[in-house]
């Protein structure tokens, strides 16, 4: 029996995205986790210990804090660099430049998240749209949860019908479920920078796309909701669009008339499906909320901000480490392992 060489993956930041990445990587048969990092001895560090994940910290001084808290430490982050082929950077904003320099010096590859600018890496990633662009790259960036959601539905539309222009309004969650520090708590807050950054972020993958975006924050933690108007080059029917999305990986159609009318019911569906952490990795489109009129298409979609980028991260690892040339094969492998 031939043994496949496993990609050794380190995760810098074991938080919302980092811990989900660790679970997804652990499910793949061609990659393994060699360590995760935490900067403070929080409950997530305890969880990492309990799961048997080697835990690395910024320096020896921090290691003493962890040891005093009864948390086992495998070494410092520089020790992790020596063990990893690639680091998935899940750190908060404002530190990516410094870490990029560290990864370069250590000779490890690095994947950054959508909170960073495209200019950090010069390459942004979506498995369906531009898998090959990250092939063998030292650094790449996974676009944000909202951008991933927009590309998942718009890219196949553009490929089949050609898009003239897109207008999208993003109704954004105020904070993630585990975050009690931000809001709004009892308000609706518009983004006064128009258009918002989401359009240019989509263009980092689909530079030819004419897209304008607006956004509002609302007091919910579950998901983002997008209301989208697409003008196409030719007339289409609602049925043609629905048929296309039914064949599109990582897009799931639901129906309001079947009882799924809100983000709360989508998250309940994820739990009923037995998903890890109750995550919904697919972009949800309401089938009975899709309407084509001539060459104009209207639809709603929902994005689970904590998890939709996770399968993209797995595919990006394969592309950067030259483990699978064909994007569709990588996606099928990822999705099967993750139960998507």
Protein backbone atom coordinates (compact mmCIF):
# COMPACT_ATOMS: atom_id res chain seq x y z
CA UNK A 1 0.00 0.00 0.00
CA UNK A 2 1.38 3.44 -0.96
CA UNK A 3 1.58 5.93 1.88
CA UNK A 4 0.73 9.50 0.85
CA UNK A 5 3.08 12.13 2.26
CA UNK A 6 1.02 14.28 4.59
CA UNK A 7 1.28 18.06 4.53
CA UNK A 8 2.33 19.28 7.98
CA UNK A 9 0.02 22.16 8.94
CA UNK A 10 0.56 24.64 11.76
CA UNK A 11 -2.22 27.02 12.83
CA UNK A 12 -1.25 30.42 14.21
CA UNK A 13 -4.24 31.45 16.33
CA UNK A 14 -6.61 28.87 17.77
CA UNK A 15 -9.77 31.00 17.77
CA UNK A 16 -12.98 31.10 15.72
CA UNK A 17 -11.34 30.23 12.38
CA UNK A 18 -8.25 28.48 13.74
CA UNK A 19 -10.06 25.81 15.71
CA UNK A 20 -12.40 25.07 12.81
CA UNK A 21 -9.41 24.80 10.48
CA UNK A 22 -7.79 22.35 12.90
CA UNK A 23 -10.89 20.13 12.85
CA UNK A 24 -11.13 20.23 9.03
CA UNK A 25 -7.42 19.52 8.50
CA UNK A 26 -7.61 16.62 10.96
CA UNK A 27 -10.39 15.11 8.80
CA UNK A 28 -8.19 15.03 5.66
CA UNK A 29 -6.04 11.98 4.89
CA UNK A 30 -3.30 13.97 3.15
CA UNK A 31 -2.54 16.53 5.87
CA UNK A 32 -1.96 16.66 9.62
CA UNK A 33 -1.84 19.28 12.38
CA UNK A 34 1.63 19.70 13.86
CA UNK A 35 0.63 22.46 16.27
CA UNK A 36 -1.57 25.43 17.11
CA UNK A 37 -0.77 28.69 18.89
CA UNK A 38 -2.36 30.80 21.63
CA UNK A 39 -1.05 34.04 23.11
CA UNK A 40 -3.02 33.77 26.39
CA UNK A 41 -3.97 30.81 28.63
CA UNK A 42 -7.69 30.93 27.80
CA UNK A 43 -10.27 28.13 27.74
CA UNK A 44 -9.42 27.53 24.07
CA UNK A 45 -5.84 26.72 25.09
CA UNK A 46 -7.24 24.21 27.60
CA UNK A 47 -9.43 22.71 24.85
CA UNK A 48 -6.38 22.37 22.56
CA UNK A 49 -4.57 20.54 25.37
CA UNK A 50 -7.55 18.25 25.95
CA UNK A 51 -7.69 17.40 22.23
CA UNK A 52 -4.00 16.51 22.25
CA UNK A 53 -3.02 19.35 19.91
CA UNK A 54 0.58 20.50 20.44
CA UNK A 55 0.31 24.05 21.77
CA UNK A 56 2.89 26.73 20.97
CA UNK A 57 3.20 30.22 22.46
CA UNK A 58 4.93 33.48 21.44
CA UNK A 59 8.01 33.20 23.72
CA UNK A 60 9.52 31.58 26.81
CA UNK A 61 8.03 34.22 29.13
CA UNK A 62 4.50 33.44 27.88
CA UNK A 63 5.24 29.73 28.26
CA UNK A 64 5.70 30.28 32.02
CA UNK A 65 2.23 31.89 32.24
CA UNK A 66 0.70 28.87 30.53
CA UNK A 67 2.53 26.44 32.78
CA UNK A 68 1.34 28.32 35.90
CA UNK A 69 -2.21 27.95 34.55
CA UNK A 70 -1.66 24.19 34.25
CA UNK A 71 -1.61 24.26 30.43
CA UNK A 72 0.99 22.12 28.67
CA UNK A 73 3.14 23.93 26.10
CA UNK A 74 5.13 22.22 23.31
CA UNK A 75 7.40 25.21 22.66
CA UNK A 76 7.45 28.66 21.08
CA UNK A 77 6.05 29.60 17.68
CA UNK A 78 9.57 29.52 16.22
CA UNK A 79 9.70 25.83 17.19
CA UNK A 80 6.43 25.32 15.31
CA UNK A 81 7.91 26.82 12.14
CA UNK A 82 10.53 24.05 12.13
CA UNK A 83 7.84 21.35 12.14
CA UNK A 84 5.37 22.83 9.60
CA UNK A 85 5.27 22.92 5.80
CA UNK A 86 2.61 25.61 5.91
CA UNK A 87 1.11 27.95 8.53
CA UNK A 88 -2.57 28.91 8.40
CA UNK A 89 -2.51 32.39 9.92
CA UNK A 90 -5.69 33.01 11.93
CA UNK A 91 -4.33 35.90 14.00
CA UNK A 92 -6.26 39.15 14.57
CA UNK A 93 -5.61 42.16 12.34
CA UNK A 94 -2.49 44.39 12.38
CA UNK A 95 0.07 41.61 12.92
CA UNK A 96 0.06 39.82 9.55
CA UNK A 97 2.97 41.80 8.07
CA UNK A 98 5.22 40.84 10.97
CA UNK A 99 4.21 37.19 10.79
CA UNK A 100 4.65 37.12 7.02
CA UNK A 101 8.27 38.22 7.52
CA UNK A 102 8.73 35.48 10.14
CA UNK A 103 7.28 32.80 7.84
CA UNK A 104 9.53 33.95 5.00
CA UNK A 105 12.61 33.85 7.22
CA UNK A 106 11.68 30.36 8.48
CA UNK A 107 11.03 29.13 4.91
CA UNK A 108 7.42 28.07 5.56
CA UNK A 109 4.39 28.86 3.42
CA UNK A 110 1.61 31.03 4.86
CA UNK A 111 -2.14 31.39 4.31
CA UNK A 112 -3.77 34.58 5.56
CA UNK A 113 -7.42 35.45 6.16
CA UNK A 114 -9.80 37.90 4.48
CA UNK A 115 -9.35 40.54 7.17
CA UNK A 116 -6.00 41.30 5.54
CA UNK A 117 -5.62 43.33 2.34
CA UNK A 118 -5.06 41.57 -0.98
CA UNK A 119 -1.80 43.52 -1.26
CA UNK A 120 -0.31 41.47 1.61
CA UNK A 121 0.08 38.42 -0.63
CA UNK A 122 -0.84 39.58 -4.14
CA UNK A 123 -2.88 36.35 -4.46
CA UNK A 124 -6.37 35.75 -3.11
CA UNK A 125 -8.04 32.35 -3.19
CA UNK A 126 -11.37 30.75 -4.01
CA UNK A 127 -11.38 27.03 -4.85
CA UNK A 128 -13.94 27.20 -7.68
CA UNK A 129 -12.80 30.42 -9.30
CA UNK A 130 -8.98 30.53 -9.18
CA UNK A 131 -7.55 27.41 -7.53
CA UNK A 132 -4.49 27.33 -9.83
CA UNK A 133 -3.42 30.89 -9.00
CA UNK A 134 -2.11 29.72 -5.59
CA UNK A 135 -0.36 26.65 -7.05
CA UNK A 136 3.03 26.36 -5.34
CA UNK A 137 2.80 29.92 -3.95
CA UNK A 138 4.58 30.81 -0.73
CA UNK A 139 1.78 33.12 0.42
CA UNK A 140 -1.92 33.33 -0.36
CA UNK A 141 -5.02 34.84 1.20
CA UNK A 142 -8.47 33.37 1.69
CA UNK A 143 -11.06 36.05 0.91
CA UNK A 144 -13.50 37.00 3.68
CA UNK A 145 -16.65 35.09 4.60
CA UNK A 146 -18.87 37.59 2.76
CA UNK A 147 -16.65 37.65 -0.32
CA UNK A 148 -16.54 33.84 -0.35
CA UNK A 149 -20.35 33.86 -0.25
CA UNK A 150 -20.64 36.29 -3.15
CA UNK A 151 -18.14 34.40 -5.31
CA UNK A 152 -19.77 31.00 -4.65
CA UNK A 153 -23.03 32.11 -6.28
CA UNK A 154 -21.81 34.78 -8.73
CA UNK A 155 -18.90 32.91 -10.34
CA UNK A 156 -21.05 30.09 -11.80
CA UNK A 157 -23.63 32.68 -12.93
CA UNK A 158 -20.95 34.65 -14.75
CA UNK A 159 -19.43 31.52 -16.26
CA UNK A 160 -22.74 30.32 -17.70
CA UNK A 161 -24.72 33.50 -18.42
CA UNK A 162 -22.18 36.39 -18.27
CA UNK A 163 -22.85 39.13 -15.73
CA UNK A 164 -23.19 42.80 -16.72
CA UNK A 165 -23.33 44.21 -13.20
CA UNK A 166 -24.11 43.28 -9.60
CA UNK A 167 -25.68 45.30 -6.79
CA UNK A 168 -25.46 43.65 -3.39
CA UNK A 169 -26.50 44.80 0.08
CA UNK A 170 -24.93 42.91 2.95
CA UNK A 171 -26.92 42.68 6.18
CA UNK A 172 -24.08 41.87 8.56
CA UNK A 173 -24.14 40.24 11.98
CA UNK A 174 -23.01 42.58 14.75
CA UNK A 175 -20.60 40.07 16.36
CA UNK A 176 -19.81 36.37 16.45
CA UNK A 177 -21.78 34.33 19.01
CA UNK A 178 -18.85 34.11 21.45
CA UNK A 179 -18.12 37.86 21.35
CA UNK A 180 -19.83 40.06 23.92
CA UNK A 181 -17.58 43.07 23.40
CA UNK A 182 -19.02 44.48 20.16
CA UNK A 183 -22.38 45.31 18.67
CA UNK A 184 -24.63 47.02 17.82
CA UNK A 185 -26.78 45.73 20.69
CA UNK A 186 -30.01 47.63 19.87
CA UNK A 187 -29.38 49.49 16.64
CA UNK A 188 -28.95 49.19 12.90
CA UNK A 189 -25.67 50.67 11.74
CA UNK A 190 -25.08 51.50 8.06
CA UNK A 191 -21.60 51.43 6.56
CA UNK A 192 -21.15 55.03 5.46
CA UNK A 193 -18.20 54.22 3.22
CA UNK A 194 -19.93 53.56 -0.10
CA UNK A 195 -19.29 51.34 -1.92
CA UNK A 196 -18.01 49.02 0.82
CA UNK A 197 -14.77 47.03 0.53
CA UNK A 198 -16.63 43.82 -0.41
CA UNK A 199 -16.86 44.69 -4.13
CA UNK A 200 -13.10 45.22 -4.56
CA UNK A 201 -12.52 42.07 -2.52
CA UNK A 202 -14.64 40.06 -4.98
CA UNK A 203 -12.59 41.68 -7.77
CA UNK A 204 -9.40 40.28 -6.22
CA UNK A 205 -10.72 36.94 -7.55
CA UNK A 206 -12.93 38.13 -10.44
CA UNK A 207 -11.23 41.37 -11.58
CA UNK A 208 -13.54 41.77 -14.58
CA UNK A 209 -16.76 41.83 -12.51
CA UNK A 210 -18.72 45.09 -12.27
CA UNK A 211 -19.97 44.90 -8.66
CA UNK A 212 -21.15 47.53 -6.18
CA UNK A 213 -21.86 46.77 -2.53
CA UNK A 214 -23.45 48.40 0.52
CA UNK A 215 -23.66 47.02 4.06
CA UNK A 216 -25.52 47.44 7.33
CA UNK A 217 -24.77 45.89 10.73
CA UNK A 218 -27.66 44.48 12.71
CA UNK A 219 -27.96 43.08 16.27
CA UNK A 220 -27.67 39.38 15.52
CA UNK A 221 -24.80 36.91 15.88
CA UNK A 222 -25.87 33.98 13.71
CA UNK A 223 -25.20 34.79 10.05
CA UNK A 224 -24.87 37.45 7.37
CA UNK A 225 -27.67 37.91 4.82
CA UNK A 226 -27.14 39.24 1.28
CA UNK A 227 -29.79 40.77 -0.96
CA UNK A 228 -28.48 40.64 -4.52
CA UNK A 229 -29.56 42.06 -7.88
CA UNK A 230 -27.68 40.78 -10.94
CA UNK A 231 -28.04 42.10 -14.48
CA UNK A 232 -27.03 39.43 -17.00
CA UNK A 233 -26.01 39.68 -20.64
CA UNK A 234 -29.11 37.73 -21.72
CA UNK A 235 -32.53 36.75 -20.46
CA UNK A 236 -32.72 33.75 -18.18
CA UNK A 237 -35.46 31.89 -16.36
CA UNK A 238 -35.67 31.36 -12.63
CA UNK A 239 -35.60 27.62 -13.25
CA UNK A 240 -32.32 27.82 -15.22
CA UNK A 241 -30.61 29.66 -12.35
CA UNK A 242 -31.89 27.26 -9.69
CA UNK A 243 -30.77 24.27 -11.78
CA UNK A 244 -27.28 25.81 -12.04
CA UNK A 245 -26.93 26.38 -8.30
CA UNK A 246 -28.19 22.88 -7.51
CA UNK A 247 -25.10 21.58 -9.33
CA UNK A 248 -22.73 24.11 -7.72
CA UNK A 249 -20.48 22.81 -4.92
CA UNK A 250 -20.88 24.45 -1.52
CA UNK A 251 -24.19 26.10 -2.37
CA UNK A 252 -27.28 24.72 -0.63
CA UNK A 253 -30.82 25.64 -1.64
CA UNK A 254 -33.55 25.77 1.00
CA UNK A 255 -37.23 26.74 0.90
CA UNK A 256 -39.13 29.09 3.14
CA UNK A 257 -42.27 27.07 2.55
CA UNK A 258 -40.49 24.07 4.12
CA UNK A 259 -40.01 26.04 7.32
CA UNK A 260 -36.60 27.61 6.72
CA UNK A 261 -37.47 31.29 6.77
CA UNK A 262 -34.61 32.75 8.80
CA UNK A 263 -30.97 32.48 9.78
CA UNK A 264 -32.01 30.82 13.06
CA UNK A 265 -33.64 27.95 11.18
CA UNK A 266 -30.58 27.56 8.93
CA UNK A 267 -28.36 27.16 11.97
CA UNK A 268 -30.83 24.66 13.42
CA UNK A 269 -30.58 22.72 10.14
CA UNK A 270 -26.78 22.63 10.52
CA UNK A 271 -27.19 21.20 14.02
CA UNK A 272 -29.74 18.66 12.77
CA UNK A 273 -27.25 17.58 10.08
CA UNK A 274 -24.81 16.76 12.89
CA UNK A 275 -22.25 19.30 11.73
CA UNK A 276 -19.15 19.93 13.83
CA UNK A 277 -19.91 22.95 16.07
CA UNK A 278 -23.25 23.28 14.25
CA UNK A 279 -21.45 24.88 11.28
CA UNK A 280 -23.02 25.56 7.87
CA UNK A 281 -20.13 25.52 5.40
CA UNK A 282 -22.36 26.03 2.34
CA UNK A 283 -23.83 29.31 1.13
CA UNK A 284 -27.59 29.14 1.62
CA UNK A 285 -29.89 30.38 -1.15
CA UNK A 286 -33.65 30.54 -0.65
CA UNK A 287 -35.04 28.75 -3.71
CA UNK A 288 -38.43 30.42 -3.34
CA UNK A 289 -36.67 33.80 -3.05
CA UNK A 290 -34.98 33.54 -6.46
CA UNK A 291 -36.67 35.53 -9.24
CA UNK A 292 -35.51 36.19 -12.79
CA UNK A 293 -37.25 38.95 -14.76
CA UNK A 294 -35.86 39.27 -18.27
CA UNK A 295 -32.11 39.64 -17.82
CA UNK A 296 -32.38 40.75 -14.14
CA UNK A 297 -31.99 38.24 -11.33
CA UNK A 298 -33.01 38.83 -7.70
CA UNK A 299 -32.08 36.53 -4.81
CA UNK A 300 -31.26 36.24 -1.12
CA UNK A 301 -28.41 34.25 0.37
CA UNK A 302 -27.10 33.59 3.88
CA UNK A 303 -23.47 33.20 4.97
CA UNK A 304 -22.31 31.47 8.15
CA UNK A 305 -19.41 33.78 8.91
CA UNK A 306 -17.67 31.37 11.29
CA UNK A 307 -17.34 28.50 8.84
CA UNK A 308 -17.89 29.10 5.11
CA UNK A 309 -14.18 29.79 4.48
CA UNK A 310 -12.97 26.58 6.17
CA UNK A 311 -13.22 24.23 3.14
CA UNK A 312 -11.51 26.95 1.07
CA UNK A 313 -8.58 26.94 3.49
CA UNK A 314 -8.20 23.16 3.07
CA UNK A 315 -8.18 23.45 -0.73
CA UNK A 316 -5.73 26.35 -0.61
CA UNK A 317 -3.33 24.19 1.43
CA UNK A 318 -3.47 21.54 -1.33
CA UNK A 319 -2.89 24.08 -4.09
CA UNK A 320 0.02 25.84 -2.37
CA UNK A 321 1.66 22.52 -1.46
CA UNK A 322 1.05 21.07 -4.95
CA UNK A 323 -0.89 18.09 -3.61
CA UNK A 324 -3.79 18.05 -6.11
CA UNK A 325 -3.75 19.82 -9.48
CA UNK A 326 -7.46 19.54 -10.21
CA UNK A 327 -9.66 21.95 -8.22
CA UNK A 328 -12.81 19.85 -8.49
CA UNK A 329 -11.00 16.76 -7.19
CA UNK A 330 -9.62 18.70 -4.25
CA UNK A 331 -13.05 20.15 -3.47
CA UNK A 332 -14.72 16.75 -3.61
CA UNK A 333 -12.06 15.28 -1.33
CA UNK A 334 -12.41 18.16 1.16
CA UNK A 335 -16.21 18.09 1.14
CA UNK A 336 -16.43 14.33 1.56
CA UNK A 337 -14.07 14.40 4.53
CA UNK A 338 -15.96 17.29 6.13
CA UNK A 339 -19.41 15.83 5.49
CA UNK A 340 -20.48 18.64 3.18
